[in-house]
Structures are given as C-alpha cells and as structure tokens.
Amino acid sequence: MTAAIDYETIETCLQAIGPEISAPEAHGLVTGLVCGNFEQSLALMGKELLPEKHADDREHHESKAELTQMHAVINEQLRDAELGFRLLLPAETTGVAKRASALVNWCQGFMYGFGISARDSEKKLSDDAQEALQDLGEFTRLDTLAVSEDDEDEMQALTELEEYIRVAVMTIYQDMLPT
C-alpha cells in the first residue's frame, strides 16, 4: 500500500516557498513530469517548483523534502498494479465547484509537466494514450463557473471524470515506460 499525500501539507509548503501554484496543479505537474520522463522528473520538479532564491531557507528545505516525498509517492502509485494512483484534490466536503476548479488546475499542471518532460522523447503514444492526452487538454478548458454547488448529478459527473482522468494518466504512464 502506498503512502498518502496530504492536500493541506502540500498547499502549505507551496505557499511557504512562493510559487503561485495550487496543490492540485503541483500534483498534476509532478505527475506529468513522472509520466513524461521519470529520469529527469525530479530535476525538472526542482526547477519548476523550488525557487533558487530561497535555497538556504529552512522552509525551502522542508518544502523540498515534502515535494520530493510527493514525487516518490506519485511514482510508487503509478507503478502500483492495483491502480493505486489518486489525484490530489480538496476533500469532497469543499463542494463540487471547488473540486471542479481543482480538477481543471490538476489537468493544466499535468499537461505542462508532461509537455516539458516528454518533449525530447522518441516514444510514440498508442492511440488510446493519445486520445487520453487530448482529453486531458480539453479538460483544462472546462467552465467551472457553470458548476452548481449542490447538484448531486454534477457531483456524480465529477466523480466519473476524476476516475476517467486517473485511468487516462495510468494509460499514458504505461505507454511512456522504457522498453
């Protein structure tokens, strides 16, 4: 069983070091980096999320440790044969609109992370993985302002979308594994 990533811990660590990025977007970014090119993903994560101007700060070192742990957990979850990978989103109690917005941010982070880590890859995605990647790109444009906060049908649709994204990411990850 893989370790869990704590939403509030990641959110706090990101606020402490300064990048204007939410926990879901950072999680998506790191997931995209791992999927695109695991070998370079940790270095790219440091470049994207850890500003050098604060490298000597205690908060920087603590945040770096948390983000490095998040990277390791994401990698472990993606490798889990039981599909242990989970998106990092706020709790369901925060409401449908906030979770929908976080899901859009997660997809934006993933697309950016995958784009910068896989750009030099000679791997070709399968048709399924290409479609999944295109869908993730489409999800970055969802209109979250139109989401009703207490609509049970929208909560169900969001839950189904989260599951689709989870499986899509696993598909992309499997396609990008070294042969």
Foldseek 3Di string as FASTA:
>chain_A
DFDDQDQVVLQVLQVVQDDPAHSLLLLLQLLLQCLQAVVCSLVVSCVVRQDPVCVPPPSSVVSNVSSVSSSVRQNVQLPDPVNNHAGRADDCVVFLLRRLLSLLSSLVSNLVNNCVNNVPPPFDADPLLVVLNVVSVVSNPDDSVPDDGPDPVSVVVSVVVRVSNSVSSSSSSVSNDDD
